[in-house]
Protein backbone atom coordinates (compact mmCIF):
# COMPACT_ATOMS: atom_id res chain seq x y z
CA MET A 1 -12.62 62.90 60.74
CA PRO A 2 -11.19 61.41 63.97
CA ALA A 3 -8.94 63.52 65.94
CA THR A 4 -6.92 60.63 67.33
CA ARG A 5 -5.06 57.82 65.68
CA VAL A 6 -5.96 54.21 65.53
CA PRO A 7 -3.98 52.93 68.59
CA MET A 8 -0.87 50.89 67.87
CA ARG A 9 -0.86 47.67 69.75
CA GLU A 10 2.28 46.91 71.85
CA GLN A 11 3.81 44.32 73.98
CA ALA A 12 2.86 44.67 77.49
CA VAL A 13 5.58 46.49 79.61
CA GLU A 14 5.98 43.72 82.03
CA LYS A 15 6.61 41.10 79.33
CA ARG A 16 8.75 43.07 76.88
CA VAL A 17 11.42 44.18 79.38
CA LYS A 18 12.24 40.51 79.68
CA ASN A 19 12.80 39.98 75.96
CA PHE A 20 14.36 41.69 72.93
CA ASN A 21 11.22 41.11 70.57
CA GLU A 22 9.77 43.97 68.68
CA VAL A 23 7.52 46.34 70.91
CA PRO A 24 5.04 47.64 68.39
CA LEU A 25 2.97 44.74 67.11
CA GLY A 26 1.88 46.59 63.87
CA TYR A 27 -1.52 47.35 62.40
CA SER A 28 -3.72 44.74 61.09
CA LYS A 29 -5.17 45.43 57.48
CA GLU A 30 -8.42 46.75 59.00
CA GLU A 31 -6.58 49.10 61.21
CA ALA A 32 -4.31 50.34 58.50
CA VAL A 33 -7.19 51.23 56.37
CA GLN A 34 -9.01 52.94 59.20
CA GLU A 35 -5.98 55.15 59.95
CA ALA A 36 -5.45 55.78 56.31
CA ASN A 37 -8.99 57.15 55.87
CA ARG A 38 -8.24 59.76 58.54
CA CYS A 39 -5.97 61.47 55.78
CA LEU A 40 -7.36 64.84 54.50
CA GLN A 41 -5.74 64.25 50.96
CA CYS A 42 -4.26 67.77 51.07
CA ALA A 43 -3.71 69.17 47.60
CA HIS A 44 -0.40 70.69 48.60
CA SER A 45 0.68 67.68 50.52
CA PRO A 46 3.00 69.17 53.15
CA CYS A 47 3.85 65.68 54.33
CA SER A 48 5.57 64.96 51.12
CA ALA A 49 7.45 68.13 50.92
CA HIS A 50 8.96 67.51 54.34
CA CYS A 51 10.07 63.87 53.43
CA PRO A 52 13.99 63.70 52.89
CA VAL A 53 13.47 61.10 50.07
CA ASN A 54 10.21 62.78 48.60
CA ILE A 55 7.89 59.91 49.17
CA ASP A 56 4.43 60.72 47.77
CA VAL A 57 2.85 60.32 51.20
CA THR A 58 -0.71 61.43 50.20
CA LYS A 59 -0.85 59.10 47.34
CA PHE A 60 0.42 55.87 49.22
CA VAL A 61 -1.89 56.68 52.19
CA LYS A 62 -4.97 57.12 49.74
CA GLU A 63 -3.97 53.66 48.18
CA ILE A 64 -4.03 52.04 51.60
CA ALA A 65 -7.39 53.66 52.28
CA GLU A 66 -8.71 52.14 49.13
CA GLY A 67 -7.17 48.78 49.93
CA ASP A 68 -4.94 48.74 47.23
CA PHE A 69 -1.85 47.67 49.24
CA HIS A 70 0.09 46.66 46.17
CA ALA A 71 -0.20 50.00 44.63
CA ALA A 72 0.91 51.52 48.01
CA TYR A 73 4.02 49.51 48.00
CA ASN A 74 5.04 50.48 44.45
CA THR A 75 4.51 54.26 45.42
CA LEU A 76 6.62 53.69 48.45
CA LYS A 77 9.48 51.88 46.78
CA ALA A 78 9.63 54.55 44.04
CA SER A 79 11.32 56.70 46.69
CA SER A 80 12.26 54.40 49.47
CA PRO A 81 14.26 51.30 48.75
CA ILE A 82 13.58 49.96 52.44
CA PRO A 83 9.99 50.86 53.62
CA SER A 84 9.67 48.37 56.40
CA ILE A 85 12.89 49.76 57.95
CA VAL A 86 12.18 53.34 57.46
CA GLY A 87 8.85 53.24 58.71
CA ARG A 88 10.22 51.87 61.92
CA VAL A 89 13.08 54.08 62.68
CA CYS A 90 12.40 57.39 60.74
CA PRO A 91 11.70 60.51 62.98
CA GLN A 92 8.35 61.09 61.32
CA GLU A 93 7.30 63.37 64.08
CA SER A 94 9.78 65.96 62.98
CA GLN A 95 9.26 65.56 59.19
CA CYS A 96 6.17 64.11 57.49
CA GLU A 97 3.96 63.79 60.45
CA GLY A 98 5.19 67.12 61.90
CA ALA A 99 3.85 68.81 58.83
CA CYS A 100 0.44 67.00 58.90
CA VAL A 101 -2.44 69.38 58.90
CA LEU A 102 -4.54 67.02 61.36
CA GLY A 103 -1.72 67.68 63.85
CA LYS A 104 -2.91 71.09 64.30
CA ALA A 105 -6.25 69.95 65.78
CA GLY A 106 -5.42 66.42 67.07
CA GLN A 107 -2.96 63.81 66.12
CA PRO A 108 -1.14 63.43 62.73
CA ILE A 109 -1.71 60.52 60.39
CA ASN A 110 0.56 57.74 61.73
CA ILE A 111 2.47 57.73 58.45
CA GLY A 112 5.47 55.76 59.79
CA LYS A 113 3.38 52.74 61.02
CA LEU A 114 1.46 52.89 57.67
CA GLU A 115 4.74 52.63 55.71
CA SER A 116 6.04 49.71 57.91
CA PHE A 117 2.62 48.06 57.53
CA ILE A 118 2.90 48.03 53.64
CA GLY A 119 6.54 46.95 53.73
CA ASP A 120 5.68 44.10 55.94
CA TRP A 121 2.62 43.21 53.88
CA ALA A 122 4.71 42.95 50.77
CA ILE A 123 7.39 40.70 52.40
CA GLU A 124 4.55 38.40 53.97
CA ASN A 125 2.91 38.25 50.34
CA GLY A 126 6.11 37.80 48.34
CA VAL A 127 5.39 41.15 46.42
CA VAL A 128 8.53 42.56 44.72
CA GLU A 129 9.11 45.84 42.98
CA PRO A 130 8.90 45.89 39.28
CA VAL A 131 12.36 47.03 38.21
CA GLU A 132 13.72 47.96 34.77
CA ILE A 133 17.41 47.89 34.67
CA LYS A 134 18.73 50.57 32.16
CA ASP A 135 21.42 50.00 29.77
CA ASN A 136 24.79 51.68 31.06
CA THR A 137 28.36 51.15 31.19
CA GLY A 138 30.64 51.94 34.18
CA LYS A 139 31.59 50.46 37.45
CA VAL A 140 30.88 52.06 40.82
CA ALA A 141 32.28 51.05 44.21
CA ILE A 142 30.45 51.81 47.31
CA ILE A 143 32.22 51.64 50.53
CA GLY A 144 29.91 50.56 53.60
CA SER A 145 26.45 49.08 53.36
CA GLY A 146 24.39 51.21 55.59
CA PRO A 147 21.33 53.23 54.75
CA THR A 148 23.00 55.66 52.40
CA ALA A 149 24.87 53.08 50.67
CA ILE A 150 21.82 51.07 50.25
CA SER A 151 19.87 53.92 48.43
CA CYS A 152 22.85 54.84 46.39
CA ALA A 153 23.60 51.29 45.29
CA ALA A 154 19.90 50.66 44.49
CA ASP A 155 19.43 53.83 42.37
CA LEU A 156 22.79 53.41 40.53
CA ARG A 157 21.88 49.56 39.75
CA LYS A 158 18.65 50.72 38.30
CA LEU A 159 20.31 53.08 36.03
CA GLY A 160 22.47 50.18 34.75
CA TYR A 161 25.80 50.50 36.35
CA ASP A 162 27.74 47.56 37.75
CA ILE A 163 27.77 48.04 41.52
CA VAL A 164 30.18 46.41 44.18
CA VAL A 165 29.67 47.17 47.89
CA PHE A 166 32.50 46.77 50.32
CA GLU A 167 31.54 46.03 53.93
CA ALA A 168 34.07 45.88 56.70
CA LEU A 169 31.80 43.53 58.97
CA HIS A 170 30.53 39.95 58.32
CA LYS A 171 26.92 41.17 57.86
CA ALA A 172 25.66 43.98 55.62
CA GLY A 173 23.44 46.88 56.83
CA GLY A 174 25.73 49.08 58.78
CA VAL A 175 24.05 50.79 61.67
CA LEU A 176 20.83 48.91 60.94
CA GLN A 177 22.51 45.71 62.06
CA TYR A 178 24.80 46.85 64.79
CA GLY A 179 23.31 50.10 66.12
CA ILE A 180 19.57 49.64 66.45
CA PRO A 181 18.21 47.02 68.85
CA GLU A 182 15.93 43.99 67.88
CA PHE A 183 12.92 45.43 69.84
CA ARG A 184 13.10 48.40 67.66
CA LEU A 185 14.26 47.07 64.21
CA PRO A 186 14.05 43.06 63.83
CA LYS A 187 17.09 41.80 62.09
CA SER A 188 14.99 39.52 59.87
CA ILE A 189 13.34 42.43 58.38
CA VAL A 190 16.81 44.17 57.73
CA ASN A 191 18.16 41.09 56.10
CA ILE A 192 15.09 40.42 53.86
CA GLU A 193 15.11 44.15 52.73
CA LEU A 194 18.79 43.93 51.93
CA ASP A 195 18.18 40.99 49.77
CA MET A 196 16.50 43.62 47.42
CA LEU A 197 20.11 44.71 46.56
CA LYS A 198 21.24 41.13 45.61
CA ASP A 199 18.05 40.71 43.46
CA LEU A 200 18.95 43.90 41.62
CA GLY A 201 22.34 42.41 40.92
CA VAL A 202 24.59 44.46 43.32
CA GLU A 203 27.55 42.41 44.53
CA ILE A 204 28.10 42.67 48.34
CA LYS A 205 31.74 41.80 49.48
CA LEU A 206 31.74 41.20 53.18
CA ASN A 207 34.81 41.25 55.40
CA ARG A 208 36.51 43.75 53.22
CA ILE A 209 38.10 46.89 55.03
CA VAL A 210 39.09 49.48 52.53
CA GLY A 211 42.56 50.66 53.44
CA GLN A 212 43.46 47.13 54.90
CA HIS A 213 42.26 44.25 52.71
CA ILE A 214 41.94 46.46 49.66
CA SER A 215 43.63 49.73 49.17
CA PHE A 216 41.76 53.10 48.42
CA GLU A 217 44.26 53.52 45.55
CA ASN A 218 43.16 50.24 43.87
CA LEU A 219 39.55 51.35 44.04
CA LEU A 220 40.28 54.60 42.45
CA SER A 221 42.06 52.80 39.52
CA GLU A 222 39.63 49.96 39.16
CA TYR A 223 36.34 52.09 39.31
CA ASP A 224 34.77 54.79 37.41
CA ALA A 225 33.28 56.34 40.50
CA ILE A 226 33.26 55.64 44.24
CA TYR A 227 30.70 56.44 46.98
CA VAL A 228 31.80 56.58 50.43
CA GLY A 229 29.05 55.67 53.00
CA THR A 230 31.22 54.46 55.90
CA GLY A 231 29.11 55.81 58.48
CA ALA A 232 30.19 57.27 61.88
CA GLY A 233 31.16 54.30 63.74
CA ALA A 234 34.01 55.84 66.01
CA PRO A 235 32.66 56.54 69.46
CA ARG A 236 33.30 59.82 71.30
CA PHE A 237 34.09 59.93 74.89
CA MET A 238 33.95 62.62 77.57
CA ASN A 239 37.66 62.16 78.41
CA LEU A 240 36.81 61.63 81.93
CA LYS A 241 39.24 60.37 84.61
CA GLY A 242 38.50 56.56 84.98
CA GLU A 243 37.28 55.76 81.55
CA GLU A 244 40.08 53.11 81.28
CA LEU A 245 38.19 51.16 84.08
CA ASN A 246 36.57 47.81 83.30
CA GLY A 247 32.75 48.05 83.09
CA VAL A 248 33.06 51.41 81.01
CA TYR A 249 31.54 51.12 77.47
CA SER A 250 31.11 53.23 74.64
CA ALA A 251 27.66 52.94 73.32
CA ASN A 252 29.04 51.68 70.07
CA GLU A 253 30.65 48.56 71.74
CA PHE A 254 27.79 47.80 74.04
CA LEU A 255 25.21 47.93 71.04
CA ILE A 256 27.42 46.03 68.67
CA ARG A 257 27.81 43.23 71.10
CA THR A 258 24.06 43.23 71.83
CA ASN A 259 22.64 43.73 68.26
CA LEU A 260 25.25 42.38 65.76
CA MET A 261 26.84 39.61 68.03
CA LYS A 262 23.50 38.73 69.91
CA SER A 263 25.19 38.61 73.23
CA TYR A 264 21.75 38.39 74.94
CA LEU A 265 21.68 34.86 73.59
CA PHE A 266 25.01 33.80 75.11
CA PRO A 267 26.00 31.16 75.66
CA GLU A 268 23.44 28.95 73.67
CA GLY A 269 22.74 31.22 70.82
CA SER A 270 25.89 33.35 70.72
CA ASP A 271 29.73 33.12 71.13
CA THR A 272 29.91 36.71 72.40
CA PRO A 273 29.51 37.46 76.06
CA ILE A 274 28.84 40.89 77.72
CA VAL A 275 29.17 42.03 81.23
CA VAL A 276 26.53 44.05 82.57
CA GLY A 277 26.31 44.88 86.32
CA LYS A 278 23.45 45.44 88.72
CA LYS A 279 23.31 49.18 88.38
CA VAL A 280 24.01 50.76 84.95
CA ALA A 281 24.45 54.45 84.10
CA VAL A 282 23.87 55.66 80.48
CA ILE A 283 25.40 59.03 79.89
CA GLY A 284 23.49 61.08 77.16
CA ALA A 285 19.84 61.43 76.17
CA GLY A 286 19.76 60.69 72.37
CA ASN A 287 18.26 57.75 70.46
CA VAL A 288 21.54 55.75 70.90
CA ALA A 289 21.35 56.41 74.76
CA MET A 290 17.78 55.19 74.91
CA ASP A 291 18.77 52.03 72.93
CA ALA A 292 21.69 51.32 75.16
CA ALA A 293 19.57 52.02 78.41
CA ARG A 294 16.74 49.71 77.05
CA CYS A 295 19.17 46.97 76.31
CA ALA A 296 20.79 47.14 79.64
CA LEU A 297 17.27 46.98 81.29
CA ARG A 298 16.65 43.74 79.39
CA TYR A 299 19.77 42.22 80.67
CA GLY A 300 18.27 42.66 84.09
CA ALA A 301 20.02 45.77 85.42
CA GLU A 302 18.63 48.71 87.20
CA THR A 303 19.08 51.34 84.58
CA HIS A 304 19.67 55.15 84.84
CA ILE A 305 20.02 57.79 82.11
CA LEU A 306 22.32 60.83 83.22
CA TYR A 307 21.61 63.98 81.49
CA ARG A 308 22.96 67.49 81.84
CA ARG A 309 19.72 69.11 80.55
CA THR A 310 16.11 67.98 81.18
CA LYS A 311 13.66 65.66 79.41
CA ALA A 312 12.36 68.60 77.47
CA GLU A 313 15.77 69.06 75.82
CA ALA A 314 16.46 65.42 75.24
CA PRO A 315 17.37 64.82 71.45
CA ALA A 316 15.75 61.41 71.48
CA ARG A 317 12.61 60.58 69.59
CA ALA A 318 9.60 61.28 71.70
CA GLU A 319 8.48 57.52 71.09
CA GLU A 320 11.78 56.17 72.30
CA LEU A 321 11.85 58.34 75.33
CA HIS A 322 8.28 57.48 76.19
CA HIS A 323 9.02 53.70 75.83
CA ALA A 324 12.32 53.93 78.13
CA LEU A 325 10.27 55.84 80.94
CA GLU A 326 7.50 53.33 80.54
CA GLU A 327 9.69 50.45 81.01
CA GLY A 328 10.93 51.89 84.21
CA ILE A 329 14.31 53.50 83.38
CA HIS A 330 15.22 56.35 85.70
CA PHE A 331 16.08 59.56 84.20
CA HIS A 332 18.45 61.88 86.09
CA GLU A 333 17.85 65.55 85.01
CA LEU A 334 20.54 68.26 85.26
CA GLU A 335 23.43 65.93 86.34
CA ASN A 336 26.81 65.93 84.57
CA PRO A 337 29.50 63.23 85.24
CA THR A 338 32.88 64.70 86.29
CA LYS A 339 34.92 61.61 87.14
CA LEU A 340 34.53 57.74 87.27
CA ASN A 341 35.81 56.12 90.38
CA GLY A 342 37.02 52.61 90.51
CA GLU A 343 38.14 49.75 92.73
CA ASP A 344 40.34 46.72 91.84
CA GLY A 345 40.14 47.98 88.13
CA TRP A 346 36.49 48.09 87.99
CA VAL A 347 34.17 51.12 87.94
CA LYS A 348 32.25 51.51 91.17
CA SER A 349 30.82 54.99 91.28
CA ILE A 350 30.34 58.29 89.27
CA THR A 351 31.17 61.78 90.59
CA LEU A 352 28.48 64.01 89.31
CA GLN A 353 27.65 67.74 89.37
CA ARG A 354 24.31 69.32 89.51
CA MET A 355 23.55 71.74 86.60
CA GLU A 356 21.07 74.62 85.90
CA LEU A 357 19.76 75.80 82.60
CA GLY A 358 21.21 79.19 81.35
CA GLU A 359 20.74 81.11 78.04
CA PRO A 360 19.97 79.22 74.77
CA ASP A 361 23.04 78.08 72.93
CA ALA A 362 23.58 77.65 69.08
CA SER A 363 21.30 74.72 69.16
CA GLY A 364 18.53 76.68 70.54
CA ARG A 365 18.39 74.63 73.65
CA ARG A 366 19.11 76.29 77.05
CA ARG A 367 22.80 76.02 78.00
CA PRO A 368 23.65 73.69 81.04
CA VAL A 369 25.65 75.63 83.62
CA PRO A 370 27.51 73.91 86.52
CA ILE A 371 26.11 74.81 90.14
CA PRO A 372 29.30 75.51 92.31
CA ASP A 373 29.88 73.15 95.09
CA SER A 374 27.24 70.77 94.09
CA GLU A 375 29.21 67.63 93.42
CA PHE A 376 28.12 64.32 94.70
CA THR A 377 28.77 60.61 94.07
CA GLU A 378 26.52 57.76 93.26
CA GLU A 379 27.39 54.02 92.91
CA PHE A 380 27.03 52.39 89.49
CA ASP A 381 28.89 49.22 88.37
CA THR A 382 28.59 49.71 84.67
CA VAL A 383 28.78 52.91 82.59
CA ILE A 384 27.80 53.49 78.90
CA GLU A 385 28.73 56.69 77.28
CA ALA A 386 26.45 57.60 74.61
CA ILE A 387 27.53 61.16 73.59
CA GLY A 388 27.75 60.80 69.94
CA THR A 389 30.15 59.39 67.26
CA SER A 390 32.43 60.45 64.48
CA PRO A 391 33.46 59.09 61.00
CA ASN A 392 35.72 56.15 60.57
CA ARG A 393 39.30 57.23 61.45
CA LEU A 394 41.17 54.14 59.90
CA PHE A 395 39.58 54.76 56.59
CA LEU A 396 40.28 58.28 56.44
CA SER A 397 43.78 57.95 57.55
CA ARG A 398 44.28 55.60 54.42
CA ALA A 399 42.38 57.75 51.96
CA GLU A 400 45.07 60.06 50.65
CA GLY A 401 43.72 63.29 49.10
CA LEU A 402 40.27 62.97 50.86
CA GLU A 403 39.69 66.35 52.59
CA VAL A 404 37.80 66.35 55.83
CA ASN A 405 36.18 69.28 57.63
CA ARG A 406 36.74 70.71 61.09
CA TRP A 407 34.28 67.91 62.64
CA GLY A 408 36.36 65.26 60.99
CA GLY A 409 33.57 64.50 58.53
CA ILE A 410 34.43 64.19 54.78
CA GLN A 411 34.19 67.41 53.05
CA VAL A 412 31.63 67.44 50.06
CA ASN A 413 30.11 70.15 47.85
CA ASP A 414 26.42 70.40 46.91
CA ASP A 415 26.87 67.54 44.45
CA MET A 416 28.11 65.35 47.24
CA GLN A 417 31.52 65.33 45.52
CA THR A 418 34.64 65.13 47.64
CA SER A 419 37.99 66.80 46.91
CA ILE A 420 38.75 63.81 44.61
CA PRO A 421 36.49 64.29 41.69
CA LYS A 422 35.33 60.72 41.08
CA VAL A 423 34.74 60.15 44.74
CA PHE A 424 31.50 61.06 46.36
CA ALA A 425 30.24 60.82 49.95
CA GLY A 426 27.17 61.00 52.16
CA GLY A 427 25.30 59.97 55.18
CA ASP A 428 26.98 59.98 58.63
CA SER A 429 30.52 60.06 56.95
CA ILE A 430 29.89 63.68 56.07
CA SER A 431 27.67 64.81 59.07
CA GLY A 432 28.99 62.73 61.88
CA GLY A 433 25.76 61.15 62.95
CA ALA A 434 22.17 62.02 61.45
CA THR A 435 19.00 60.00 60.80
CA VAL A 436 18.48 56.84 58.64
CA ILE A 437 15.90 58.74 56.44
CA GLN A 438 18.49 61.62 55.79
CA ALA A 439 21.26 59.04 54.92
CA LEU A 440 18.82 57.65 52.50
CA GLY A 441 18.14 60.92 50.94
CA GLU A 442 21.62 61.83 50.40
CA GLY A 443 22.36 58.25 49.09
CA ARG A 444 19.68 59.04 46.29
CA LYS A 445 21.00 62.45 45.58
CA ALA A 446 24.52 61.11 45.45
CA ALA A 447 23.18 58.47 42.73
CA GLU A 448 21.94 61.31 40.73
CA LYS A 449 25.14 63.31 40.84
CA ILE A 450 27.37 60.21 40.18
CA HIS A 451 25.19 59.44 37.07
CA ALA A 452 25.40 62.99 35.88
CA PHE A 453 29.24 62.78 36.39
CA LEU A 454 29.68 59.60 34.59
CA SER A 455 27.49 60.87 31.76
CA SER A 456 29.49 63.92 31.38
CA GLN A 457 32.64 61.81 31.48
CA THR A 458 31.47 59.42 28.81
CA GLY A 459 29.76 62.02 26.63
CA GLU A 460 26.47 60.19 27.20
CA GLN A 461 23.50 62.54 27.02
CA MET A 462 20.99 62.35 29.58
CA SER A 463 17.28 62.26 28.76
CA VAL A 464 15.06 65.34 28.88
CA GLU A 465 13.21 63.46 31.65
CA GLU A 466 16.12 62.77 33.70
CA VAL A 467 17.37 66.38 33.54
CA LEU A 468 13.85 67.83 34.59
CA LYS A 469 13.70 65.35 37.54
CA ILE A 470 17.13 66.29 38.78
CA GLY A 471 16.22 69.97 38.44
CA ALA A 472 12.98 69.59 40.25
CA GLU A 473 14.80 67.87 43.00
CA MET A 474 17.46 70.52 43.31
CA GLU A 475 14.91 73.39 43.40
CA LEU A 476 12.94 71.54 46.02
CA GLU A 477 16.04 71.15 48.21
CA SER A 478 16.73 74.87 47.76
CA TYR A 479 13.23 75.91 48.35
CA ASN A 480 13.11 73.91 51.59
CA LEU A 481 16.42 75.47 52.80
CA TYR A 482 15.29 79.05 52.29
CA LYS A 483 11.73 78.30 53.58
CA GLU A 484 12.77 76.69 56.78
CA THR A 485 15.46 79.26 57.52
CA ALA A 486 12.94 82.09 56.94
CA GLU A 487 10.56 80.35 59.48
CA LYS A 488 13.38 80.19 62.06
CA THR A 489 15.20 83.55 61.70
CA THR A 490 14.27 86.52 63.93
CA ARG A 491 16.95 88.73 62.20
CA PRO A 492 15.17 91.87 60.88
CA GLY A 493 15.00 91.80 57.11
CA ALA A 494 16.11 88.21 56.80
CA LYS A 495 12.69 86.66 56.73
CA GLU A 496 11.60 88.81 53.73
CA PHE A 497 14.83 88.06 51.91
CA LEU A 498 14.76 84.32 52.38
CA SER A 499 11.10 84.12 51.71
CA LYS A 500 11.77 85.79 48.35
CA MET A 501 14.45 83.28 47.58
CA ALA A 502 12.29 80.41 48.47
CA GLU A 503 9.60 81.69 46.03
CA ASP A 504 12.04 82.03 43.20
CA GLU A 505 13.09 78.41 43.83
CA LYS A 506 9.49 77.27 43.93
CA ARG A 507 8.95 79.15 40.57
CA HIS A 508 11.91 77.19 39.08
CA ARG A 509 10.53 73.91 40.36
CA ALA A 510 7.11 74.43 38.95
CA TYR A 511 8.81 75.12 35.62
CA PHE A 512 10.63 71.71 35.80
CA LEU A 513 7.48 69.87 36.90
CA LYS A 514 5.51 71.41 34.11
CA GLY A 515 8.15 70.19 31.72
CA LEU A 516 7.85 66.78 33.21
CA GLU A 517 4.09 66.88 32.19
CA ASP A 518 4.83 67.96 28.67
CA PRO A 519 8.66 67.63 27.75
CA ASP A 520 7.95 68.50 24.14
CA ASN A 521 6.71 71.90 25.15
CA ILE A 522 9.71 73.38 27.06
CA LYS A 523 10.15 77.25 26.50
CA ALA A 524 13.01 79.03 27.74
CA SER A 525 12.83 82.43 29.57
CA THR A 526 15.90 84.71 29.76
CA LEU A 527 17.32 86.76 32.64
CA LYS A 528 18.32 89.70 30.52
CA LYS A 529 20.78 91.40 32.89
CA ASN A 530 24.40 90.41 33.05
CA VAL A 531 25.30 88.94 36.50
CA VAL A 532 28.52 89.98 38.26
CA ASP A 533 29.77 86.98 40.49
CA LEU A 534 30.93 88.89 43.57
CA LYS A 535 32.81 85.66 44.83
CA ILE A 536 32.75 87.06 48.41
CA THR A 537 32.16 83.69 49.94
CA ASP A 538 34.24 81.56 47.65
CA PRO A 539 37.37 81.63 49.65
CA LEU A 540 35.47 80.87 52.96
CA VAL A 541 35.66 77.47 54.58
CA LYS A 542 32.48 75.52 53.33
CA VAL A 543 30.80 73.56 56.24
CA PRO A 544 27.88 71.34 55.96
CA LEU A 545 24.53 72.79 57.08
CA LYS A 546 23.29 71.63 60.59
CA PRO A 547 20.14 72.44 62.57
CA ASP A 548 22.21 74.73 64.87
CA SER A 549 23.96 76.45 61.97
CA SER A 550 24.39 80.18 62.36
CA TYR A 551 22.88 82.76 59.81
CA GLN A 552 26.41 83.49 58.68
CA GLU A 553 27.01 79.56 58.08
CA ILE A 554 23.71 79.50 56.19
CA LEU A 555 24.46 82.29 53.88
CA ILE A 556 27.96 80.67 53.03
CA TYR A 557 26.21 77.24 52.42
CA ALA A 558 23.47 79.06 50.20
CA ALA A 559 26.02 80.80 48.15
CA ASN A 560 27.96 77.81 47.51
CA ARG A 561 24.76 75.90 46.59
CA GLU A 562 23.74 78.47 44.16
CA LYS A 563 27.14 78.38 42.56
CA THR A 564 26.88 74.57 42.26
CA ALA A 565 23.49 74.70 40.67
CA HIS A 566 24.93 77.39 38.28
CA ASP A 567 27.73 75.07 37.18
CA PHE A 568 25.39 72.03 37.00
CA TYR A 569 22.86 73.65 34.84
CA MET A 570 25.56 74.97 32.56
CA MET A 571 27.11 71.53 32.35
CA LEU A 572 23.90 69.98 31.30
CA ALA A 573 23.23 72.73 28.86
CA GLU A 574 26.39 71.76 26.99
CA ASN A 575 24.62 68.40 26.39
CA PHE A 576 21.36 70.08 24.91
CA LYS A 577 23.06 72.92 23.17
CA GLY A 578 20.68 74.60 20.58
CA THR A 579 17.61 73.02 21.92
CA GLU A 580 14.86 74.75 23.96
CA LEU A 581 15.97 72.66 26.93
CA GLY A 582 19.46 73.90 26.51
CA LYS A 583 18.31 77.55 26.44
CA MET A 584 16.20 76.99 29.50
CA LEU A 585 18.96 75.36 31.46
CA VAL A 586 21.28 78.51 30.46
CA SER A 587 18.60 80.82 31.63
CA PHE A 588 18.28 78.96 35.04
CA ALA A 589 22.01 78.97 35.44
CA LYS A 590 22.01 82.74 35.02
CA GLU A 591 19.38 83.04 37.83
CA GLU A 592 21.14 80.77 40.09
CA LEU A 593 24.29 83.04 39.73
CA TYR A 594 22.03 86.05 40.34
CA HIS A 595 20.86 84.15 43.53
CA LYS A 596 24.47 83.93 44.56
CA TYR A 597 24.99 87.63 43.96
CA LEU A 598 21.96 88.29 46.23
CA VAL A 599 23.17 85.95 49.02
CA GLU A 600 26.64 87.54 48.86
CA THR A 601 25.17 90.98 48.94
CA GLU A 602 23.12 89.91 52.01
CA TYR A 603 26.33 88.39 53.68
CA ASP A 604 28.29 91.62 52.84
CA ASP A 605 25.54 93.96 54.26
CA ILE A 606 24.63 92.01 57.43
CA ILE A 607 27.65 89.96 58.36
CA LEU A 608 30.52 92.17 57.28
CA ASN A 609 28.82 95.32 58.35
CA ASN A 610 27.41 93.86 61.44
CA GLN A 611 23.99 95.24 60.74
């Protein structure tokens, strides 16, 4: 088995820095089959287990290896509504490819490039997904048209609901249109994949700002449920002196002008100009910073990235950082801006302070510490701040009753449900900025929860298969939570506790999966002991889980998740009262409450007693 990948052909550096065309040229059919044949076809498929939308990676790669591209496309579409897009922008190296067994002794399967190959093959050959629209009543409004909205709309439409998408801009796609440059994600691909929604019967209303053109209250009265996928389009700034100067951009504005308004084609192919100086500074080192820097380079500027840590701590994808450096972008390590200096209203230079790395912070990265008396000034005539985003403040200010967390994201429970029962939310609107694939996963999860909510409201009984699928997905999410936390923790005793919880969730999931194989032979097992709900964590502020969450926050999240699972199973059990499935759901509900008891006991012992 070859230890290295089939190389991906790319535009030559000297050519691509002068255009906005896609950098990777894609696999040929022969190259895709060759790469797919490297797959070991692991029985336990760790790649699939690490996919946020649960793509059956092993299956679609095997189908490519066999030359059955049509089957591979259907396998992908069963979990991912936009494979051509996801294959290009998903951080596979930290998810499916990061779990690939081949990566331990060489290079993992190039799963992302194989996914985009299949998506592109389907587009080129006019292949469409076979879809059966179920019979359901109910109208759902979706606010926003980015990745999380796309997946939620597609899944709900397939379930038979009438879906109307409200998009504030003149083009649908959200961050896929305005945030990611053409050389990473061609907009022709975005538009074609979005046509899938229209083909399903989803109505998309453009230039509709909820809270301005249509009130949130009107949507609440007209629709049976609402999904908020407004993203995180509000830029964050460092609040430096001089940010008001001309020539200073947020990465959001810079990329919107470039990607959505096509300012690089001005004046012949676009009405939107952009001013880019001779020497550009991009502050930050995430994917957005790389996108902004690589765009600035293509405008002809000498481009520099200013970062307060080193390349090793940069949050950008390895591929994006590699391409940026390969294209000649200068990377300044351990430098932090303290002031922007101007002349005649335009930025002229940046005052910077040298940094050194101290002890690790909550994210696990070493904390940058200022070096005293190390300030210096360097000339730049354009500055782009790429230090993060936050959810849409205009919408939130006009959505009365919608609670937000301390980061400004919409507060949701484990069912993606907000403080307004019929309103659900996901994607960057709850996290403040994540990945496309995570947003897609949350959109799919929200569709399941909205379907369950509407079914409970109308008295419609879900099918046994639907219940088992939802249960299996919930248990997989819980298993991954406990397993990944167990792998990261260094707290004495915590690893054993979390591993035991992971095994319990794995056992639950196996029960659901077995039921899917033979739904007529479901037998309940009962937790005999009565469970006391300690309610220790109930009054605590519930925050979304992040990669740098503390053990305390993880336990609070886990307890809330177990309580949500208990309530959900009990709700479903009411629909199947008197059946073996109903008994099984009650049994599992008791076990989830018992898990909550265990988590709260752990919280009490370790957090409150400082052990």
